[in-house]
Structures are given as C-alpha cells and as structure tokens.
C-alpha atoms as a PDB file:
ATOM      1  CA  UNK A   1      -0.191  -0.030  -0.129  1.00  0.00           C
ATOM      2  CA  UNK A   2       2.350   2.037   1.085  1.00  0.00           C
ATOM      3  CA  UNK A   3       4.504   1.779  -2.350  1.00  0.00           C
ATOM      4  CA  UNK A   4       1.238   2.334  -4.453  1.00  0.00           C
ATOM      5  CA  UNK A   5       1.330   6.079  -2.293  1.00  0.00           C
ATOM      6  CA  UNK A   6       4.036   6.821  -3.848  1.00  0.00           C
ATOM      7  CA  UNK A   7       3.828   5.723  -6.734  1.00  0.00           C
ATOM      8  CA  UNK A   8       0.805   7.250  -7.662  1.00  0.00           C
ATOM      9  CA  UNK A   9       2.221  10.577  -5.479  1.00  0.00           C
ATOM     10  CA  UNK A  10       4.984   9.951  -8.452  1.00  0.00           C
ATOM     11  CA  UNK A  11       2.433  10.363 -10.661  1.00  0.00           C
ATOM     12  CA  UNK A  12       0.719  13.395 -10.369  1.00  0.00           C
ATOM     13  CA  UNK A  13       4.087  15.349  -9.656  1.00  0.00           C
ATOM     14  CA  UNK A  14       4.261  14.397 -12.852  1.00  0.00           C
ATOM     15  CA  UNK A  15       1.115  15.557 -14.140  1.00  0.00           C
ATOM     16  CA  UNK A  16       1.324  18.665 -11.861  1.00  0.00           C
ATOM     17  CA  UNK A  17       4.475  19.908 -13.372  1.00  0.00           C
ATOM     18  CA  UNK A  18       3.792  19.094 -16.831  1.00  0.00           C
ATOM     19  CA  UNK A  19       5.659  15.926 -18.175  1.00  0.00           C
ATOM     20  CA  UNK A  20       2.626  13.808 -18.337  1.00  0.00           C
ATOM     21  CA  UNK A  21      -0.070  13.927 -19.699  1.00  0.00           C
ATOM     22  CA  UNK A  22      -4.000  13.882 -19.076  1.00  0.00           C
ATOM     23  CA  UNK A  23      -4.469  10.243 -20.100  1.00  0.00           C
ATOM     24  CA  UNK A  24      -1.275   9.458 -19.714  1.00  0.00           C
ATOM     25  CA  UNK A  25      -1.630  10.221 -15.758  1.00  0.00           C
ATOM     26  CA  UNK A  26      -5.010   8.095 -15.540  1.00  0.00           C
ATOM     27  CA  UNK A  27      -3.666   5.238 -17.553  1.00  0.00           C
ATOM     28  CA  UNK A  28      -0.487   5.053 -14.732  1.00  0.00           C
ATOM     29  CA  UNK A  29      -3.470   5.640 -11.873  1.00  0.00           C
ATOM     30  CA  UNK A  30      -4.999   2.829 -12.975  1.00  0.00           C
ATOM     31  CA  UNK A  31      -2.232   0.594 -13.669  1.00  0.00           C
ATOM     32  CA  UNK A  32      -0.955   0.849 -10.595  1.00  0.00           C
ATOM     33  CA  UNK A  33      -4.626   0.484  -9.244  1.00  0.00           C
ATOM     34  CA  UNK A  34      -4.631  -2.887 -10.829  1.00  0.00           C
ATOM     35  CA  UNK A  35      -1.540  -3.928  -9.726  1.00  0.00           C
ATOM     36  CA  UNK A  36      -2.256  -3.522  -6.039  1.00  0.00           C
ATOM     37  CA  UNK A  37      -5.760  -4.854  -6.206  1.00  0.00           C
ATOM     38  CA  UNK A  38      -5.204  -8.465  -6.298  1.00  0.00           C
ATOM     39  CA  UNK A  39      -3.224  -8.060  -2.964  1.00  0.00           C
ATOM     40  CA  UNK A  40      -5.844  -6.197  -0.590  1.00  0.00           C
ATOM     41  CA  UNK A  41      -6.530  -7.102   2.409  1.00  0.00           C
ATOM     42  CA  UNK A  42     -10.081  -5.852   3.323  1.00  0.00           C
ATOM     43  CA  UNK A  43      -9.121  -3.179   5.378  1.00  0.00           C
ATOM     44  CA  UNK A  44      -6.260  -1.539   3.145  1.00  0.00           C
ATOM     45  CA  UNK A  45      -9.579  -1.179   1.196  1.00  0.00           C
ATOM     46  CA  UNK A  46     -10.800   2.111   2.707  1.00  0.00           C
ATOM     47  CA  UNK A  47      -6.850   3.027   2.811  1.00  0.00           C
ATOM     48  CA  UNK A  48      -6.809   2.455  -0.441  1.00  0.00           C
ATOM     49  CA  UNK A  49     -10.450   4.676  -0.958  1.00  0.00           C
ATOM     50  CA  UNK A  50      -8.476   7.364   0.987  1.00  0.00           C
ATOM     51  CA  UNK A  51      -5.600   7.535  -0.975  1.00  0.00           C
ATOM     52  CA  UNK A  52      -7.650   7.927  -4.615  1.00  0.00           C
ATOM     53  CA  UNK A  53      -9.529  10.292  -3.558  1.00  0.00           C
ATOM     54  CA  UNK A  54      -6.740  12.515  -2.758  1.00  0.00           C
ATOM     55  CA  UNK A  55      -5.161  11.369  -5.784  1.00  0.00           C
ATOM     56  CA  UNK A  56      -8.104  12.594  -7.872  1.00  0.00           C
ATOM     57  CA  UNK A  57      -9.030  15.675  -6.383  1.00  0.00           C
ATOM     58  CA  UNK A  58      -5.061  17.080  -6.471  1.00  0.00           C
ATOM     59  CA  UNK A  59      -5.115  15.912 -10.892  1.00  0.00           C
ATOM     60  CA  UNK A  60      -8.866  17.796 -10.867  1.00  0.00           C
ATOM     61  CA  UNK A  61      -7.810  20.548  -9.253  1.00  0.00           C
ATOM     62  CA  UNK A  62      -4.911  21.347 -11.284  1.00  0.00           C
ATOM     63  CA  UNK A  63      -7.333  19.845 -14.188  1.00  0.00           C
ATOM     64  CA  UNK A  64      -9.536  23.223 -13.715  1.00  0.00           C
ATOM     65  CA  UNK A  65      -6.924  25.665 -13.135  1.00  0.00           C
ATOM     66  CA  UNK A  66      -4.320  24.986 -16.179  1.00  0.00           C
ATOM     67  CA  UNK A  67      -2.876  28.243 -15.956  1.00  0.00           C
ATOM     68  CA  UNK A  68      -2.233  28.424 -12.321  1.00  0.00           C
ATOM     69  CA  UNK A  69       1.477  29.243 -11.571  1.00  0.00           C
ATOM     70  CA  UNK A  70       2.912  26.182 -10.987  1.00  0.00           C
ATOM     71  CA  UNK A  71       3.840  27.347  -7.359  1.00  0.00           C
ATOM     72  CA  UNK A  72      -0.050  27.661  -6.838  1.00  0.00           C
ATOM     73  CA  UNK A  73      -0.150  23.808  -7.949  1.00  0.00           C
ATOM     74  CA  UNK A  74       2.325  23.004  -5.261  1.00  0.00           C
ATOM     75  CA  UNK A  75      -0.053  24.511  -2.643  1.00  0.00           C
ATOM     76  CA  UNK A  76      -2.689  22.383  -4.341  1.00  0.00           C
ATOM     77  CA  UNK A  77      -1.017  19.284  -4.022  1.00  0.00           C
ATOM     78  CA  UNK A  78       0.433  20.539  -0.845  1.00  0.00           C
ATOM     79  CA  UNK A  79      -2.929  20.786   0.455  1.00  0.00           C
ATOM     80  CA  UNK A  80      -4.470  17.449   0.098  1.00  0.00           C
ATOM     81  CA  UNK A  81      -1.651  16.027   0.363  1.00  0.00           C
ATOM     82  CA  UNK A  82       0.388  17.121   2.925  1.00  0.00           C
ATOM     83  CA  UNK A  83       3.379  19.877   2.828  1.00  0.00           C
ATOM     84  CA  UNK A  84       5.859  17.795   1.652  1.00  0.00           C
ATOM     85  CA  UNK A  85       3.667  16.810  -2.037  1.00  0.00           C
ATOM     86  CA  UNK A  86       4.467  20.239  -3.739  1.00  0.00           C
ATOM     87  CA  UNK A  87       8.342  19.371  -3.375  1.00  0.00           C
ATOM     88  CA  UNK A  88       9.437  17.533  -6.478  1.00  0.00           C
END
C-alpha cells in the first residue's frame, strides 16, 4: 500500500509539473491500481479509497486551473497530500 501511495503521488507530481499528459496520468494511476488490487486485504480497502480520492481531487484541481502558476499548483497538491507533496 505504501508503494502504491508513493507511486501515485509521483505520477500526480509529474502531471503537476506538466511532464505527463492527463490521459497518461489516468492510465498510470489505473495501472498502479490494477497491480495493487489482488494484494489487498479487507482493511486496506478503506485506506486505498482515501488515497484514490486524494489523488483524484489533486489531479482535478490541476485540470481545473491549467493556467495557474506552478507554485499555486504545488500549493493545491500540498493542501491534499500535506506540505511535502508540493516538492519535487
């Protein structure tokens, strides 16, 4: 689960920095989820849901504000993931 969190945060950061297109971001998130699902226990599903919702919220905020400066987009990510999220 921790690996999934790190990988999906990195994917979103790459999208945030415009190093990954929106379709590629979604495809990468989906691929990570597909790899994780068979290994989950029942109690991990609640945590997975929270991570997925945070990732979705961040990506959608970035999509809604494509003209925003990088510093503002980093603040959006930090608001969802915490202070270290906005750093590369």
